[in-house]
Amino acid sequence: KKQHFIPKSQIKKFENKNGKVFCKNEISKNKKVIEINSNDSIFKVQRLWAEFAEKGYMKNIEDSFNKLVDCILNSSIKKFTNEQSRIICDMYTLWERRVYHIEEFNKNSNLFIKLDEISGNNYTQDEKEKIESMHMSYVNENGEISNRDLIAGQIQIFILSSPYKKIQWGILKSKNKTFVMPSNPCMSNNYDKATIVFPISPYYCLVPVQIYREINDKDVDYLNNTMINNSKWFYFSSFPFSSSKHIL
């Protein structure tokens, strides 16, 4: 019933030899740094989108992206095809929309949405669970649809019309300092490509420019600061933030 809004496979790319990451919790009282693994509750949300999305199109997007990342880290890809750029676009958009809907739900935490001029159905609990297991939605006895069903559909529709569709992605590789991973994309109201930074491992990062380049510590510092300053809830990395591999 708890769902990762950053894929577990992506978090694990940042785990150190102890199977953990160092995470700075920006919404805790002391903004403390905690050492945690990919199953920690900070990376999860309480069942916000439907099971048919979690095990359906979302899983397909995550699996395709994870395979692509493995190829990048094995240095077998230095320039993306149109199809590979689409895979990155889908994953970036999925991450962004999950965060968006978490924030919207926190503002207005309705579990059900009333549908106009729709009569209710008196399904038993077993029938409801069977409908969900078949990757379908239902209207309850009050003429309401589950908010998580609605969110699942809204995310899918947004991905199909993503503002990032035309981006040809590129790869930045750090020789020394490591990238942090923020809780959310650097979201811009006008979808400005200049704000897009997409870390995929401690030493690799995706950017919305068709390049492959090794970058210096100063460039990593700049990108990390951009992500940290825009992070809503937390950011994490493979090394302690006091390490010389970091800017902090």
C-alpha atoms as a PDB file:
ATOM      1  CA  LYS A   1       0.000   0.000   0.000  1.00  0.00           C
ATOM      2  CA  LYS A   2       3.056   2.276  -0.045  1.00  0.00           C
ATOM      3  CA  GLN A   3       4.471   3.351  -3.373  1.00  0.00           C
ATOM      4  CA  HIS A   4       7.916   4.634  -4.336  1.00  0.00           C
ATOM      5  CA  PHE A   5       7.679   7.961  -6.158  1.00  0.00           C
ATOM      6  CA  ILE A   6      11.363   7.634  -7.100  1.00  0.00           C
ATOM      7  CA  PRO A   7      11.853   4.104  -8.453  1.00  0.00           C
ATOM      8  CA  LYS A   8      13.523   1.777  -5.988  1.00  0.00           C
ATOM      9  CA  SER A   9      15.915   0.644  -8.724  1.00  0.00           C
ATOM     10  CA  GLN A  10      17.010   4.262  -9.190  1.00  0.00           C
ATOM     11  CA  ILE A  11      17.677   4.808  -5.477  1.00  0.00           C
ATOM     12  CA  LYS A  12      19.706   1.603  -5.343  1.00  0.00           C
ATOM     13  CA  LYS A  13      22.054   3.025  -7.992  1.00  0.00           C
ATOM     14  CA  PHE A  14      23.171   5.507  -5.325  1.00  0.00           C
ATOM     15  CA  GLU A  15      23.579   3.008  -2.478  1.00  0.00           C
ATOM     16  CA  ASN A  16      27.071   2.614  -1.045  1.00  0.00           C
ATOM     17  CA  LYS A  17      28.824  -0.649  -0.166  1.00  0.00           C
ATOM     18  CA  ASN A  18      26.641  -0.888   2.948  1.00  0.00           C
ATOM     19  CA  GLY A  19      23.488  -0.781   0.819  1.00  0.00           C
ATOM     20  CA  LYS A  20      22.523   2.685   2.063  1.00  0.00           C
ATOM     21  CA  VAL A  21      22.459   6.325   1.024  1.00  0.00           C
ATOM     22  CA  PHE A  22      23.066   9.494   3.012  1.00  0.00           C
ATOM     23  CA  CYS A  23      19.867  11.531   2.940  1.00  0.00           C
ATOM     24  CA  LYS A  24      19.335  15.090   4.154  1.00  0.00           C
ATOM     25  CA  ASN A  25      15.734  15.492   5.280  1.00  0.00           C
ATOM     26  CA  GLU A  26      14.820  19.107   4.513  1.00  0.00           C
ATOM     27  CA  ILE A  27      11.440  18.937   6.258  1.00  0.00           C
ATOM     28  CA  SER A  28      12.674  17.477   9.552  1.00  0.00           C
ATOM     29  CA  LYS A  29      13.042  19.827  12.507  1.00  0.00           C
ATOM     30  CA  ASN A  30      16.838  19.873  12.395  1.00  0.00           C
ATOM     31  CA  LYS A  31      17.197  19.057   8.697  1.00  0.00           C
ATOM     32  CA  LYS A  32      19.225  16.087   9.806  1.00  0.00           C
ATOM     33  CA  VAL A  33      21.233  13.689   7.653  1.00  0.00           C
ATOM     34  CA  ILE A  34      20.144  10.061   7.948  1.00  0.00           C
ATOM     35  CA  GLU A  35      21.689   6.889   6.527  1.00  0.00           C
ATOM     36  CA  ILE A  36      18.914   4.798   5.016  1.00  0.00           C
ATOM     37  CA  ASN A  37      18.198   2.175   2.351  1.00  0.00           C
ATOM     38  CA  SER A  38      15.857   2.266  -0.635  1.00  0.00           C
ATOM     39  CA  ASN A  39      12.939   0.873   1.399  1.00  0.00           C
ATOM     40  CA  ASP A  40      12.834   3.810   3.816  1.00  0.00           C
ATOM     41  CA  SER A  41       9.452   5.507   4.190  1.00  0.00           C
ATOM     42  CA  ILE A  42      10.865   8.876   3.080  1.00  0.00           C
ATOM     43  CA  PHE A  43      10.918   7.551  -0.501  1.00  0.00           C
ATOM     44  CA  LYS A  44       7.293   6.378  -0.410  1.00  0.00           C
ATOM     45  CA  VAL A  45       3.786   7.744  -0.494  1.00  0.00           C
ATOM     46  CA  GLN A  46       0.642   6.107   0.874  1.00  0.00           C
ATOM     47  CA  ARG A  47      -1.055   4.501  -2.173  1.00  0.00           C
ATOM     48  CA  LEU A  48      -1.738   7.623  -4.189  1.00  0.00           C
ATOM     49  CA  TRP A  49      -2.231   6.059  -7.640  1.00  0.00           C
ATOM     50  CA  ALA A  50      -4.120   2.929  -8.628  1.00  0.00           C
ATOM     51  CA  GLU A  51      -2.692  -0.578  -8.778  1.00  0.00           C
ATOM     52  CA  PHE A  52      -3.418  -0.842 -12.514  1.00  0.00           C
ATOM     53  CA  ALA A  53      -1.005   2.073 -13.028  1.00  0.00           C
ATOM     54  CA  GLU A  54       1.622   0.860 -10.547  1.00  0.00           C
ATOM     55  CA  LYS A  55       1.804  -2.605 -12.106  1.00  0.00           C
ATOM     56  CA  GLY A  56       0.971  -1.459 -15.626  1.00  0.00           C
ATOM     57  CA  TYR A  57       2.260   1.550 -17.531  1.00  0.00           C
ATOM     58  CA  MET A  58       4.369   2.868 -14.634  1.00  0.00           C
ATOM     59  CA  LYS A  59       6.221  -0.428 -14.275  1.00  0.00           C
ATOM     60  CA  ASN A  60       6.817  -0.548 -18.024  1.00  0.00           C
ATOM     61  CA  ILE A  61       8.296   2.962 -17.954  1.00  0.00           C
ATOM     62  CA  GLU A  62      10.518   2.168 -14.957  1.00  0.00           C
ATOM     63  CA  ASP A  63      11.735  -1.151 -16.385  1.00  0.00           C
ATOM     64  CA  SER A  64      12.616   0.379 -19.762  1.00  0.00           C
ATOM     65  CA  PHE A  65      14.430   3.250 -18.076  1.00  0.00           C
ATOM     66  CA  ASN A  66      16.357   0.950 -15.734  1.00  0.00           C
ATOM     67  CA  LYS A  67      17.609  -1.134 -18.675  1.00  0.00           C
ATOM     68  CA  LEU A  68      18.716   2.030 -20.458  1.00  0.00           C
ATOM     69  CA  VAL A  69      20.537   3.314 -17.367  1.00  0.00           C
ATOM     70  CA  ASP A  70      22.408   0.018 -17.032  1.00  0.00           C
ATOM     71  CA  CYS A  71      23.609   0.408 -20.636  1.00  0.00           C
ATOM     72  CA  ILE A  72      24.753   3.986 -19.925  1.00  0.00           C
ATOM     73  CA  LEU A  73      26.676   2.930 -16.827  1.00  0.00           C
ATOM     74  CA  ASN A  74      28.326   0.142 -18.798  1.00  0.00           C
ATOM     75  CA  SER A  75      29.513   2.822 -21.254  1.00  0.00           C
ATOM     76  CA  SER A  76      27.746   1.133 -24.147  1.00  0.00           C
ATOM     77  CA  ILE A  77      25.671   4.245 -24.953  1.00  0.00           C
ATOM     78  CA  LYS A  78      27.006   7.733 -25.603  1.00  0.00           C
ATOM     79  CA  LYS A  79      24.302   9.051 -27.930  1.00  0.00           C
ATOM     80  CA  PHE A  80      20.586   8.361 -27.662  1.00  0.00           C
ATOM     81  CA  THR A  81      18.224   7.289 -30.406  1.00  0.00           C
ATOM     82  CA  ASN A  82      14.785   8.902 -30.616  1.00  0.00           C
ATOM     83  CA  GLU A  83      13.302   5.871 -28.868  1.00  0.00           C
ATOM     84  CA  GLN A  84      15.842   6.079 -26.027  1.00  0.00           C
ATOM     85  CA  SER A  85      15.126   9.796 -25.597  1.00  0.00           C
ATOM     86  CA  ARG A  86      11.428   8.905 -25.371  1.00  0.00           C
ATOM     87  CA  ILE A  87      12.167   6.409 -22.574  1.00  0.00           C
ATOM     88  CA  ILE A  88      13.998   9.139 -20.631  1.00  0.00           C
ATOM     89  CA  CYS A  89      11.203  11.619 -21.306  1.00  0.00           C
ATOM     90  CA  ASP A  90       8.584   9.181 -19.977  1.00  0.00           C
ATOM     91  CA  MET A  91      10.541   8.517 -16.781  1.00  0.00           C
ATOM     92  CA  TYR A  92      11.297  12.167 -16.116  1.00  0.00           C
ATOM     93  CA  THR A  93       7.651  13.098 -16.707  1.00  0.00           C
ATOM     94  CA  LEU A  94       6.420  10.249 -14.483  1.00  0.00           C
ATOM     95  CA  TRP A  95       8.696  11.403 -11.650  1.00  0.00           C
ATOM     96  CA  GLU A  96       7.543  15.006 -12.055  1.00  0.00           C
ATOM     97  CA  ARG A  97       3.832  14.168 -12.117  1.00  0.00           C
ATOM     98  CA  ARG A  98       4.060  11.882  -9.095  1.00  0.00           C
ATOM     99  CA  VAL A  99       5.558  14.744  -7.119  1.00  0.00           C
ATOM    100  CA  TYR A 100       2.935  17.154  -8.438  1.00  0.00           C
ATOM    101  CA  HIS A 101       0.062  14.898  -7.336  1.00  0.00           C
ATOM    102  CA  ILE A 102       1.629  14.262  -3.929  1.00  0.00           C
ATOM    103  CA  GLU A 103       1.623  18.015  -3.344  1.00  0.00           C
ATOM    104  CA  GLU A 104      -1.925  18.410  -4.658  1.00  0.00           C
ATOM    105  CA  PHE A 105      -3.166  15.561  -2.456  1.00  0.00           C
ATOM    106  CA  ASN A 106      -1.492  17.103   0.592  1.00  0.00           C
ATOM    107  CA  LYS A 107      -3.455  20.296  -0.094  1.00  0.00           C
ATOM    108  CA  ASN A 108      -6.783  18.500  -0.543  1.00  0.00           C
ATOM    109  CA  SER A 109      -6.702  14.912   0.678  1.00  0.00           C
ATOM    110  CA  ASN A 110     -10.002  13.619  -0.731  1.00  0.00           C
ATOM    111  CA  LEU A 111      -9.977   9.847  -1.162  1.00  0.00           C
ATOM    112  CA  PHE A 112     -13.004   9.933  -3.475  1.00  0.00           C
ATOM    113  CA  ILE A 113     -14.220  12.349  -6.144  1.00  0.00           C
ATOM    114  CA  LYS A 114     -17.948  12.885  -6.759  1.00  0.00           C
ATOM    115  CA  LEU A 115     -19.057  12.416 -10.368  1.00  0.00           C
ATOM    116  CA  ASP A 116     -21.949  14.541 -11.629  1.00  0.00           C
ATOM    117  CA  GLU A 117     -25.112  12.727 -12.729  1.00  0.00           C
ATOM    118  CA  ILE A 118     -23.615   9.293 -12.102  1.00  0.00           C
ATOM    119  CA  SER A 119     -25.583   6.818  -9.989  1.00  0.00           C
ATOM    120  CA  GLY A 120     -23.872   4.654  -7.405  1.00  0.00           C
ATOM    121  CA  ASN A 121     -23.186   0.931  -7.354  1.00  0.00           C
ATOM    122  CA  ASN A 122     -23.441  -1.228  -4.241  1.00  0.00           C
ATOM    123  CA  TYR A 123     -20.432  -3.456  -4.807  1.00  0.00           C
ATOM    124  CA  THR A 124     -19.268  -5.719  -1.993  1.00  0.00           C
ATOM    125  CA  GLN A 125     -15.694  -5.350  -0.752  1.00  0.00           C
ATOM    126  CA  ASP A 126     -14.757  -8.582  -2.533  1.00  0.00           C
ATOM    127  CA  GLU A 127     -16.213  -7.253  -5.778  1.00  0.00           C
ATOM    128  CA  LYS A 128     -14.304  -3.984  -5.410  1.00  0.00           C
ATOM    129  CA  GLU A 129     -11.037  -5.833  -4.868  1.00  0.00           C
ATOM    130  CA  LYS A 130     -11.710  -8.088  -7.847  1.00  0.00           C
ATOM    131  CA  ILE A 131     -12.408  -5.057 -10.072  1.00  0.00           C
ATOM    132  CA  GLU A 132      -9.126  -3.453  -8.954  1.00  0.00           C
ATOM    133  CA  SER A 133      -7.220  -6.705  -9.546  1.00  0.00           C
ATOM    134  CA  MET A 134      -8.522  -6.644 -13.129  1.00  0.00           C
ATOM    135  CA  HIS A 135      -6.989  -3.174 -13.574  1.00  0.00           C
ATOM    136  CA  MET A 136     -10.350  -1.418 -13.746  1.00  0.00           C
ATOM    137  CA  SER A 137     -12.109   1.334 -11.803  1.00  0.00           C
ATOM    138  CA  TYR A 138     -15.543   1.395 -10.210  1.00  0.00           C
ATOM    139  CA  VAL A 139     -18.079   3.937  -8.985  1.00  0.00           C
ATOM    140  CA  ASN A 140     -19.075   3.410  -5.363  1.00  0.00           C
ATOM    141  CA  GLU A 141     -22.494   3.612  -3.724  1.00  0.00           C
ATOM    142  CA  ASN A 142     -22.220   7.426  -3.481  1.00  0.00           C
ATOM    143  CA  GLY A 143     -21.505   7.956  -7.160  1.00  0.00           C
ATOM    144  CA  GLU A 144     -17.812   8.585  -6.431  1.00  0.00           C
ATOM    145  CA  ILE A 145     -14.638   7.379  -8.079  1.00  0.00           C
ATOM    146  CA  SER A 146     -11.456   6.706  -6.138  1.00  0.00           C
ATOM    147  CA  ASN A 147      -9.043   9.638  -6.288  1.00  0.00           C
ATOM    148  CA  ARG A 148      -6.144   7.238  -6.919  1.00  0.00           C
ATOM    149  CA  ASP A 149      -7.896   5.965 -10.059  1.00  0.00           C
ATOM    150  CA  LEU A 150      -8.313   9.531 -11.246  1.00  0.00           C
ATOM    151  CA  ILE A 151      -4.671  10.377 -10.514  1.00  0.00           C
ATOM    152  CA  ALA A 152      -3.474   7.256 -12.339  1.00  0.00           C
ATOM    153  CA  GLY A 153      -5.366   8.330 -15.433  1.00  0.00           C
ATOM    154  CA  GLN A 154      -4.253  11.953 -15.204  1.00  0.00           C
ATOM    155  CA  ILE A 155      -0.583  10.970 -14.971  1.00  0.00           C
ATOM    156  CA  GLN A 156      -0.892   8.669 -17.977  1.00  0.00           C
ATOM    157  CA  ILE A 157      -2.581  11.348 -20.067  1.00  0.00           C
ATOM    158  CA  PHE A 158       0.089  13.905 -19.136  1.00  0.00           C
ATOM    159  CA  ILE A 159       2.883  11.496 -20.101  1.00  0.00           C
ATOM    160  CA  LEU A 160       1.301  11.035 -23.531  1.00  0.00           C
ATOM    161  CA  SER A 161       1.389  14.807 -24.068  1.00  0.00           C
ATOM    162  CA  SER A 162       4.603  15.518 -22.136  1.00  0.00           C
ATOM    163  CA  PRO A 163       6.224  18.933 -22.712  1.00  0.00           C
ATOM    164  CA  TYR A 164       9.591  17.124 -22.803  1.00  0.00           C
ATOM    165  CA  LYS A 165       8.768  15.002 -25.871  1.00  0.00           C
ATOM    166  CA  LYS A 166      11.030  16.940 -28.251  1.00  0.00           C
ATOM    167  CA  ILE A 167      14.102  16.826 -26.014  1.00  0.00           C
ATOM    168  CA  GLN A 168      17.152  14.992 -27.334  1.00  0.00           C
ATOM    169  CA  TRP A 169      18.898  13.953 -24.142  1.00  0.00           C
ATOM    170  CA  GLY A 170      22.603  13.840 -23.391  1.00  0.00           C
ATOM    171  CA  ILE A 171      24.992  12.475 -20.762  1.00  0.00           C
ATOM    172  CA  LEU A 172      27.345  14.219 -18.344  1.00  0.00           C
ATOM    173  CA  LYS A 173      29.963  12.153 -16.529  1.00  0.00           C
ATOM    174  CA  SER A 174      31.859  13.328 -13.465  1.00  0.00           C
ATOM    175  CA  LYS A 175      35.436  12.216 -12.935  1.00  0.00           C
ATOM    176  CA  ASN A 176      35.651  13.077  -9.257  1.00  0.00           C
ATOM    177  CA  LYS A 177      32.770  14.654  -7.330  1.00  0.00           C
ATOM    178  CA  THR A 178      29.466  12.839  -7.096  1.00  0.00           C
ATOM    179  CA  PHE A 179      25.975  13.989  -7.950  1.00  0.00           C
ATOM    180  CA  VAL A 180      23.203  14.262  -5.392  1.00  0.00           C
ATOM    181  CA  MET A 181      19.694  12.992  -6.141  1.00  0.00           C
ATOM    182  CA  PRO A 182      16.836  15.352  -5.182  1.00  0.00           C
ATOM    183  CA  SER A 183      13.329  14.374  -4.117  1.00  0.00           C
ATOM    184  CA  ASN A 184      11.884  16.047  -7.195  1.00  0.00           C
ATOM    185  CA  PRO A 185      12.859  17.379 -10.609  1.00  0.00           C
ATOM    186  CA  CYS A 186      13.820  21.039 -10.841  1.00  0.00           C
ATOM    187  CA  MET A 187      10.284  21.927 -11.879  1.00  0.00           C
ATOM    188  CA  SER A 188       9.813  25.151 -13.830  1.00  0.00           C
ATOM    189  CA  ASN A 189       6.477  26.798 -14.559  1.00  0.00           C
ATOM    190  CA  ASN A 190       7.427  27.251 -18.203  1.00  0.00           C
ATOM    191  CA  TYR A 191       9.253  23.915 -18.522  1.00  0.00           C
ATOM    192  CA  ASP A 192      12.537  25.695 -19.109  1.00  0.00           C
ATOM    193  CA  LYS A 193      15.102  23.169 -20.348  1.00  0.00           C
ATOM    194  CA  ALA A 194      17.839  25.062 -18.488  1.00  0.00           C
ATOM    195  CA  THR A 195      16.453  23.800 -15.162  1.00  0.00           C
ATOM    196  CA  ILE A 196      16.444  20.107 -16.099  1.00  0.00           C
ATOM    197  CA  VAL A 197      19.025  17.938 -14.323  1.00  0.00           C
ATOM    198  CA  PHE A 198      18.391  14.187 -14.088  1.00  0.00           C
ATOM    199  CA  PRO A 199      20.963  12.212 -12.026  1.00  0.00           C
ATOM    200  CA  ILE A 200      21.032   8.458 -12.701  1.00  0.00           C
ATOM    201  CA  SER A 201      24.027   7.428 -10.558  1.00  0.00           C
ATOM    202  CA  PRO A 202      26.713   9.071  -8.407  1.00  0.00           C
ATOM    203  CA  TYR A 203      28.837   9.858 -11.475  1.00  0.00           C
ATOM    204  CA  TYR A 204      26.313  10.156 -14.321  1.00  0.00           C
ATOM    205  CA  CYS A 205      23.662  12.738 -15.042  1.00  0.00           C
ATOM    206  CA  LEU A 206      21.232  13.288 -17.934  1.00  0.00           C
ATOM    207  CA  VAL A 207      20.686  16.754 -19.418  1.00  0.00           C
ATOM    208  CA  PRO A 208      18.378  18.087 -22.172  1.00  0.00           C
ATOM    209  CA  VAL A 209      21.197  18.601 -24.694  1.00  0.00           C
ATOM    210  CA  GLN A 210      22.455  15.950 -27.114  1.00  0.00           C
ATOM    211  CA  ILE A 211      26.024  15.640 -25.813  1.00  0.00           C
ATOM    212  CA  TYR A 212      28.362  13.234 -24.059  1.00  0.00           C
ATOM    213  CA  ARG A 213      30.862  15.079 -21.887  1.00  0.00           C
ATOM    214  CA  GLU A 214      33.100  14.572 -18.875  1.00  0.00           C
ATOM    215  CA  ILE A 215      32.729  17.538 -16.545  1.00  0.00           C
ATOM    216  CA  ASN A 216      34.901  19.051 -13.834  1.00  0.00           C
ATOM    217  CA  ASP A 217      34.209  19.552 -10.128  1.00  0.00           C
ATOM    218  CA  LYS A 218      33.025  23.127 -10.631  1.00  0.00           C
ATOM    219  CA  ASP A 219      30.324  21.978 -13.046  1.00  0.00           C
ATOM    220  CA  VAL A 220      29.194  19.247 -10.633  1.00  0.00           C
ATOM    221  CA  ASP A 221      29.031  21.845  -7.856  1.00  0.00           C
ATOM    222  CA  TYR A 222      26.790  24.035  -9.996  1.00  0.00           C
ATOM    223  CA  LEU A 223      24.426  21.202 -10.914  1.00  0.00           C
ATOM    224  CA  ASN A 224      24.262  19.929  -7.336  1.00  0.00           C
ATOM    225  CA  ASN A 225      23.476  23.406  -6.030  1.00  0.00           C
ATOM    226  CA  THR A 226      20.706  23.740  -8.606  1.00  0.00           C
ATOM    227  CA  MET A 227      19.140  20.472  -7.454  1.00  0.00           C
ATOM    228  CA  ILE A 228      19.594  21.141  -3.745  1.00  0.00           C
ATOM    229  CA  ASN A 229      18.118  24.634  -3.954  1.00  0.00           C
ATOM    230  CA  ASN A 230      15.061  23.268  -5.768  1.00  0.00           C
ATOM    231  CA  SER A 231      14.577  20.151  -3.657  1.00  0.00           C
ATOM    232  CA  LYS A 232      11.245  20.144  -1.823  1.00  0.00           C
ATOM    233  CA  TRP A 233      11.679  17.381   0.767  1.00  0.00           C
ATOM    234  CA  PHE A 234      15.128  15.776   0.716  1.00  0.00           C
ATOM    235  CA  TYR A 235      18.206  14.944  -1.304  1.00  0.00           C
ATOM    236  CA  PHE A 236      20.560  12.006  -1.028  1.00  0.00           C
ATOM    237  CA  SER A 237      23.902  10.663  -2.159  1.00  0.00           C
ATOM    238  CA  SER A 238      26.321   7.767  -1.834  1.00  0.00           C
ATOM    239  CA  PHE A 239      28.709   9.642   0.462  1.00  0.00           C
ATOM    240  CA  PRO A 240      28.377  11.739   3.630  1.00  0.00           C
ATOM    241  CA  PHE A 241      27.824  15.397   2.796  1.00  0.00           C
ATOM    242  CA  SER A 242      30.969  16.335   4.717  1.00  0.00           C
ATOM    243  CA  SER A 243      33.021  14.197   2.320  1.00  0.00           C
ATOM    244  CA  SER A 244      35.499  15.837  -0.031  1.00  0.00           C
ATOM    245  CA  LYS A 245      33.522  14.257  -2.857  1.00  0.00           C
ATOM    246  CA  HIS A 246      30.727  16.719  -2.110  1.00  0.00           C
ATOM    247  CA  ILE A 247      30.182  20.433  -2.120  1.00  0.00           C
ATOM    248  CA  LEU A 248      28.819  20.445   1.460  1.00  0.00           C
END
